[in-house]
Every structure is written in C-alpha cells, then in structure tokens.
Protein backbone atom coordinates (compact mmCIF):
# COMPACT_ATOMS: atom_id res chain seq x y z
CA MET A 1 3.23 2.11 2.61
CA GLU A 2 0.62 0.29 1.07
CA ARG A 3 1.80 -2.74 2.46
CA GLY A 4 1.53 -1.51 6.05
CA LEU A 5 5.63 -2.07 6.33
CA ALA A 6 7.00 -0.45 9.62
CA GLY A 7 9.02 2.49 9.37
CA ASN A 8 12.79 0.59 9.92
CA THR A 9 11.95 -1.53 6.84
CA ILE A 10 11.47 0.81 4.56
CA SER A 11 14.55 2.53 5.31
CA SER A 12 16.19 -0.51 4.89
CA TYR A 13 14.69 -1.23 1.28
CA ARG A 14 15.11 2.49 -0.07
CA ARG A 15 19.09 1.77 0.70
CA ASP A 16 18.88 -1.78 -0.97
CA LEU A 17 17.47 -0.13 -3.95
CA ARG A 18 19.45 3.14 -4.27
CA ARG A 19 22.84 0.17 -4.09
CA TYR A 20 20.72 -1.43 -6.97
CA ALA A 21 20.20 1.60 -8.52
CA GLU A 22 23.96 1.89 -8.42
CA PHE A 23 24.92 -1.26 -9.31
CA LEU A 24 22.55 -0.87 -12.91
CA SER A 25 23.81 2.27 -13.47
CA ALA A 26 27.65 1.02 -13.54
CA ALA A 27 26.84 -1.61 -16.01
CA GLY A 28 25.63 1.13 -18.09
CA VAL A 29 21.89 -0.03 -17.99
CA ARG A 30 19.21 3.78 -18.47
CA GLY A 31 15.78 1.65 -17.57
CA LEU A 32 14.19 -0.70 -16.02
CA ALA A 33 13.26 -1.86 -19.61
CA GLU A 34 16.71 -2.99 -20.09
CA VAL A 35 17.13 -4.44 -17.10
CA ALA A 36 17.89 -8.26 -17.95
CA GLU A 37 17.61 -11.20 -15.32
CA SER A 38 21.00 -11.04 -15.39
CA ASP A 39 21.68 -8.41 -14.02
CA VAL A 40 19.57 -8.98 -11.13
CA ALA A 41 21.76 -12.65 -10.66
CA GLY A 42 24.51 -9.83 -11.21
CA PHE A 43 23.54 -7.94 -8.27
CA LEU A 44 22.98 -10.73 -6.04
CA ALA A 45 26.23 -11.98 -6.87
CA ALA A 46 27.70 -8.05 -5.84
CA LEU A 47 25.65 -8.31 -2.70
CA ARG A 48 27.72 -11.66 -1.76
CA GLU A 49 30.86 -10.62 -2.49
CA GLY A 50 31.53 -7.68 -1.78
CA ASP A 51 33.99 -4.66 -2.90
CA ASP A 52 36.03 -1.36 -2.12
CA GLU A 53 33.01 0.17 -0.44
CA HIS A 54 30.58 -2.03 0.72
CA PRO A 55 31.56 -5.24 3.11
CA PRO A 56 30.26 -8.42 1.84
CA LEU A 57 26.77 -9.05 2.68
CA SER A 58 25.49 -11.65 5.44
CA ALA A 59 22.61 -14.62 3.50
CA THR A 60 19.94 -12.65 5.71
CA SER A 61 20.82 -9.53 4.58
CA ALA A 62 21.22 -10.34 0.72
CA ALA A 63 17.83 -11.65 0.99
CA ARG A 64 16.19 -8.41 2.13
CA ALA A 65 17.54 -6.47 -0.69
CA VAL A 66 17.08 -9.20 -3.43
CA VAL A 67 13.08 -9.18 -2.12
CA ALA A 68 13.17 -5.20 -2.41
CA VAL A 69 14.38 -5.36 -6.06
CA ARG A 70 11.64 -8.26 -6.68
CA GLY A 71 9.18 -6.29 -5.29
CA LEU A 72 10.58 -3.28 -7.58
CA HIS A 73 9.89 -5.42 -10.70
CA ARG A 74 6.76 -6.84 -9.94
CA PHE A 75 5.54 -2.89 -9.33
CA ALA A 76 6.88 -2.07 -12.40
CA LEU A 77 5.17 -4.67 -14.03
CA LEU A 78 1.49 -4.11 -12.60
CA ASP A 79 1.92 -0.59 -13.91
CA GLY A 80 2.89 -1.47 -17.26
CA LEU A 81 6.37 -0.15 -16.87
CA VAL A 82 7.98 -3.12 -18.43
CA THR A 83 6.65 -6.11 -20.12
CA ASP A 84 7.96 -9.02 -17.95
CA ASP A 85 9.46 -9.65 -15.22
CA VAL A 86 13.42 -9.95 -14.90
CA ALA A 87 13.39 -10.49 -10.63
CA HIS A 88 10.86 -13.57 -10.87
CA GLU A 89 13.43 -16.62 -11.05
CA VAL A 90 16.08 -14.85 -9.14
CA ARG A 91 15.54 -16.53 -6.26
CA PRO A 92 16.44 -14.93 -2.56
CA PRO A 93 19.82 -16.61 -0.80
CA THR A 94 18.10 -19.27 2.20
CA PRO A 95 19.05 -17.87 5.46
CA ALA A 96 21.22 -20.52 7.92
CA ARG A 97 18.19 -21.54 10.64
CA ARG A 98 19.34 -19.61 13.66
CA LEU A 99 17.37 -20.55 17.62
CA PRO A 100 16.34 -17.62 19.17
CA LYS A 101 18.60 -16.71 21.92
CA ALA A 102 17.07 -17.07 25.34
CA ILE A 103 18.25 -16.09 28.57
CA PRO A 104 17.27 -18.30 32.28
CA VAL A 105 14.79 -16.99 34.00
CA GLU A 106 17.27 -15.78 37.35
CA SER A 107 19.16 -14.38 34.31
CA VAL A 108 16.71 -12.27 33.23
CA VAL A 109 16.07 -10.87 36.57
CA ALA A 110 19.39 -9.84 37.49
CA LEU A 111 18.73 -7.85 34.25
CA ILE A 112 15.69 -6.60 35.27
CA GLU A 113 16.75 -5.42 39.11
CA ALA A 114 19.99 -4.16 37.36
CA ALA A 115 18.53 -1.38 35.30
CA GLY A 116 16.62 0.09 38.03
CA THR A 117 19.72 0.25 40.13
CA VAL A 118 20.08 3.89 37.87
CA GLU A 119 19.42 6.84 40.46
CA GLY A 120 16.44 8.80 39.81
CA PRO A 121 13.54 8.50 37.70
CA ARG A 122 15.86 7.15 34.51
CA GLY A 123 16.14 4.17 37.24
CA VAL A 124 12.29 3.49 37.75
CA ARG A 125 11.34 3.94 33.68
CA ASP A 126 14.14 1.26 32.99
CA ARG A 127 12.99 -0.83 35.10
CA ALA A 128 9.24 -0.54 34.15
CA LEU A 129 10.42 -0.76 30.41
CA LEU A 130 12.19 -4.41 30.95
CA GLU A 131 9.47 -5.51 33.10
CA LEU A 132 7.22 -4.60 30.45
CA LEU A 133 9.32 -6.06 27.53
CA TYR A 134 9.68 -9.58 29.50
CA GLY A 135 6.83 -9.99 30.93
CA THR A 136 4.48 -9.24 27.16
CA GLY A 137 7.27 -9.75 25.07
CA ALA A 138 6.88 -6.80 22.69
CA ARG A 139 8.87 -6.32 21.01
CA ILE A 140 11.30 -2.89 21.42
CA SER A 141 9.83 -1.04 18.85
CA GLU A 142 6.04 -1.57 20.01
CA ALA A 143 7.52 -0.61 23.43
CA VAL A 144 8.44 2.19 22.81
CA GLY A 145 5.34 2.65 21.02
CA LEU A 146 3.50 2.91 23.51
CA ALA A 147 1.03 5.38 24.50
CA VAL A 148 -0.25 5.97 28.18
CA ASP A 149 -3.44 5.35 27.15
CA ASP A 150 -3.01 1.77 25.37
CA LEU A 151 -1.87 0.13 28.73
CA ASP A 152 -5.16 -0.73 30.45
CA ARG A 153 -4.20 -0.94 34.36
CA GLY A 154 -7.49 -2.40 35.26
CA GLN A 155 -7.59 -5.12 32.77
CA ALA A 156 -3.89 -5.75 32.70
CA SER A 157 -3.77 -5.43 29.52
CA VAL A 158 -1.48 -3.08 26.90
CA ARG A 159 -2.52 -2.63 23.53
CA LEU A 160 0.51 -3.38 20.96
CA ALA A 161 0.90 -2.01 17.15
CA GLY A 162 3.14 -4.83 15.48
CA LYS A 163 4.23 -5.01 11.90
CA GLY A 164 2.29 -4.41 9.49
CA GLY A 165 -0.16 -2.29 11.66
CA LYS A 166 -1.99 -4.86 13.57
CA GLU A 167 -3.17 -4.40 17.16
CA ARG A 168 -3.25 -7.07 19.71
CA ILE A 169 -4.13 -6.96 23.38
CA VAL A 170 -1.41 -8.58 25.71
CA PRO A 171 -1.70 -9.13 29.78
CA VAL A 172 0.77 -7.43 31.18
CA GLY A 173 1.85 -9.87 34.55
CA SER A 174 1.59 -8.22 38.04
CA TYR A 175 5.31 -7.44 38.32
CA ALA A 176 5.11 -5.06 34.93
CA LEU A 177 2.28 -3.91 36.17
CA ARG A 178 3.36 -2.82 39.28
CA ALA A 179 6.84 -1.51 37.79
CA VAL A 180 4.89 0.86 35.37
CA GLU A 181 2.50 2.10 38.14
CA GLU A 182 5.53 2.94 39.75
CA TYR A 183 7.03 4.42 36.95
CA LEU A 184 3.51 6.31 36.25
CA VAL A 185 3.11 8.12 39.40
CA ARG A 186 7.31 8.63 40.66
CA GLY A 187 9.09 8.38 36.93
CA ARG A 188 7.53 9.86 34.17
CA PRO A 189 6.12 13.46 35.64
CA ALA A 190 9.51 14.18 36.56
CA LEU A 191 10.93 13.52 32.91
CA ALA A 192 7.84 14.78 31.38
CA ALA A 193 8.46 18.10 33.20
CA ALA A 194 12.16 18.44 30.91
CA GLY A 195 9.78 18.58 27.95
CA THR A 196 6.06 19.21 26.60
CA GLN A 197 4.47 16.01 26.23
CA GLY A 198 2.48 16.58 29.73
CA VAL A 199 1.51 13.93 32.52
CA ARG A 200 -1.48 12.73 30.96
CA GLY A 201 -1.15 12.19 27.09
CA GLY A 202 1.59 11.69 24.76
CA ALA A 203 4.31 8.73 24.99
CA LEU A 204 4.51 6.27 28.09
CA PHE A 205 8.09 5.80 27.83
CA LEU A 206 9.90 9.17 27.83
CA ASN A 207 13.47 9.90 27.80
CA VAL A 208 15.41 12.95 30.09
CA ARG A 209 14.43 15.65 27.88
CA GLY A 210 10.29 15.03 27.89
CA GLY A 211 10.03 13.03 24.28
CA ALA A 212 9.57 9.97 23.13
CA LEU A 213 11.83 7.64 24.17
CA SER A 214 13.88 5.94 21.27
CA ARG A 215 14.47 2.12 20.22
CA GLN A 216 18.46 3.32 20.05
CA SER A 217 17.74 4.71 23.35
CA ALA A 218 15.69 1.44 24.79
CA TRP A 219 18.52 -0.62 22.91
CA THR A 220 21.55 1.13 25.24
CA ILE A 221 19.18 0.83 28.26
CA LEU A 222 19.13 -3.74 27.93
CA ARG A 223 22.73 -3.40 27.22
CA ALA A 224 23.51 -1.19 29.79
CA ALA A 225 21.86 -3.49 31.90
CA ALA A 226 23.55 -6.17 30.86
CA GLU A 227 26.48 -5.05 31.35
CA ARG A 228 25.71 -4.03 35.16
CA ALA A 229 24.27 -7.58 36.13
CA GLY A 230 27.54 -8.93 34.14
CA ASP A 231 29.14 -12.43 35.54
CA ALA A 232 27.24 -12.05 38.88
CA GLY A 233 23.75 -12.43 37.53
CA GLY A 234 24.69 -15.10 35.00
CA VAL A 235 24.27 -12.94 32.14
CA ASP A 236 26.19 -12.99 29.31
CA VAL A 237 26.52 -9.29 28.12
CA GLY A 238 27.61 -10.29 24.33
CA ALA A 239 24.16 -12.51 24.17
CA VAL A 240 22.12 -9.99 25.03
CA SER A 241 20.10 -8.43 21.82
CA PRO A 242 17.28 -6.39 21.31
CA HIS A 243 15.11 -9.58 21.68
CA THR A 244 16.42 -11.03 24.24
CA LEU A 245 13.63 -10.57 26.91
CA ARG A 246 11.44 -11.20 23.56
CA HIS A 247 12.95 -14.62 22.84
CA SER A 248 13.21 -15.38 26.76
CA PHE A 249 9.38 -14.54 27.05
CA ALA A 250 8.11 -17.19 24.31
CA THR A 251 10.86 -19.93 25.69
CA HIS A 252 9.47 -19.52 29.29
CA LEU A 253 6.34 -19.88 28.13
CA LEU A 254 6.50 -23.20 26.30
CA ASP A 255 9.07 -24.35 29.37
CA GLY A 256 6.57 -23.98 31.79
CA GLY A 257 3.82 -26.28 29.29
CA ALA A 258 1.82 -22.59 27.33
CA ASP A 259 0.16 -24.06 23.81
CA VAL A 260 2.83 -22.79 21.15
CA ARG A 261 -0.49 -21.11 19.12
CA VAL A 262 -0.98 -18.78 22.55
CA VAL A 263 2.14 -17.67 22.43
CA GLN A 264 2.38 -17.22 18.80
CA GLU A 265 -0.87 -14.61 19.77
CA LEU A 266 1.18 -13.14 22.47
CA LEU A 267 4.14 -12.72 19.99
CA GLY A 268 2.02 -11.20 16.87
CA HIS A 269 3.08 -14.07 14.17
CA ALA A 270 1.50 -14.02 11.30
CA SER A 271 2.14 -17.84 11.42
CA VAL A 272 2.60 -20.22 13.90
CA THR A 273 5.50 -22.02 11.86
CA THR A 274 7.55 -18.52 12.93
CA THR A 275 6.83 -19.78 16.67
CA GLN A 276 7.87 -22.79 16.28
CA VAL A 277 11.13 -21.88 15.96
CA TYR A 278 10.75 -21.75 19.80
CA THR A 279 9.83 -25.85 20.68
CA LEU A 280 12.90 -26.64 19.45
CA VAL A 281 14.54 -24.43 22.22
CA THR A 282 12.65 -26.36 24.75
CA VAL A 283 13.20 -29.76 22.91
CA ASP A 284 17.01 -29.20 23.24
CA ARG A 285 16.49 -28.16 26.62
CA LEU A 286 14.60 -30.71 27.42
CA ARG A 287 17.39 -32.94 26.12
CA GLU A 288 20.14 -31.65 28.43
CA VAL A 289 17.50 -32.56 31.40
CA TYR A 290 17.54 -35.91 30.28
CA ALA A 291 21.00 -36.47 29.72
CA SER A 292 22.10 -35.21 33.16
CA SER A 293 18.96 -36.76 34.75
CA HIS A 294 18.13 -40.25 33.92
CA PRO A 295 20.08 -43.43 34.99
CA ARG A 296 20.26 -44.54 32.08
CA ALA A 297 20.40 -42.10 29.23
CA LEU A 298 24.36 -42.19 28.90
CA THR A 299 26.35 -44.74 28.64
C-alpha cells in the first residue's frame, strides 16, 4: 500500500508470501527470527522444481516470489523484528529477455473491425475499447479503470492511471475518439439502463449488467475479436495477448519515426530502458526489409 502497487500485484505478493509461510512451516521454522539464508535459497529452489501441489514456476514467476520474500525480510529488519536480513544475498533468477509481440497495422484493423461485428450496444462498446487500447497504448487495466470524466473530448486526450498510481495524459487519435463518442451516444446509455451506474457518471466501459467492465472481460473481448478475425484478417489468435494492442501501439510509433522518449511518456514507463526493448523489434523489422529489398543484401 505504501508503494502504491496495483491490486493485482498485491494479490500476487500475498499468494507468494502465503506459499513461503507454508514452506517455512513444513521445514520446522517457527518465526522470522529463525529463518536462515539457506531457507530462502531453498524456497527459490522449491519454486523452480515444483511439487505434488504446485507446478515448477518460470524464472519470471519465481523472481516475483523472491522479490516478495526479500521485501518481507527487509520490512522485518526495518521494523526491528529481526536483527539481520537473511534474504539480501538471495538473488531472483534472471528471466529470459522476451521481445514484445506486435501485429501488423492490417491485423490491428481486422481485429477492431471484428470487435464491432457484435450486435447491439456490446459491439459499439467492444470497438470503442479496442480503438482506445490501440489509439493510446493503454494497459487493459488502465482502460477498464477509466471514468467518463477521464476523457477530454475537447482536447482529444485521456487521463490514465498507471502503475504506482501515476497519472499521465495521452492524446486520443481521431479513430478512437469517434468510436468512443459513438459508444457514449449509442452504446453506454443502453448498458447503463441495465444497472444503477447512470449515464453521467461512473466507469466509462460498462458490462451488460450496467457495472464497470472487468479486466478479465476486456481480455475476453479482445480474444473473441481475434477468433472472429482469424486467418482471413491475418490475425494469429495464439499470438494475441492482453498487451497485443499496447505492443503494437509502441512498435508502430517507432516504425513511424517517433522518438523513444516520447513513446516512453505515452506508455507510462518509469525508465526509458523498458521502452528501448521495442527498438530491438523495429531493428529486426528493418533488417527484414533490408534483406528482402537491397540487391546486394544476400549472397
């Protein structure tokens, strides 16, 4: 809470620490003061190996659990509960660097068009949601967390609440703005009528019961649109993830000549290092174009 972490992150840390407590209990450790560095290292090994109740964790998931454990022991030291931070030297595993997967502009268009084929106010909502995700680079959690008042139609911008409670103002393109305006006129009032949200306040994106659309429901909408677009639209359903439109937003901006620091601000990254991973994607694309176009690129 003090660090302003997202609710999903807090839930993940809670699960990790509960599993850590179970591991220590099974090892006969009765309190934090009895924990040794070998216990922390043993927990990391157990995460990677798995057991009858838990499958082996990937380096990324195991690293998150170790970060939670290190945070617990650091907190215990600062609060005077223990005299030594036994987890300090236990380093989380380094996950393999994965390049973000973007889809071509044509596939994005097919995805958005497919979302709008649903009959009634849901189709208007789904198209507006996907247009906004691609038009602003918002995370799905940021998009479903929007209130109507967060959208400034006069300035063609939206206020997004990112990780750590940090807010940023992002421009909204004409396609996304038109789609959202159509949703506010034709879609949201019909959805709001099914509940108690009211047309003038509350969440921007509503579900069929008039409540706020959840992150899981938004991901289901994206997945369903990908399945409808399918091969005809050049959309690889297996490659679509909750971040697909965000990755595509960043990659297409950089392909179009945008400065990496501008993209950093739009994405809400704390460090430009996080954003620079997208430049590796564009370099690969440049290499492909060069290899296929230059007369003396290949032997």
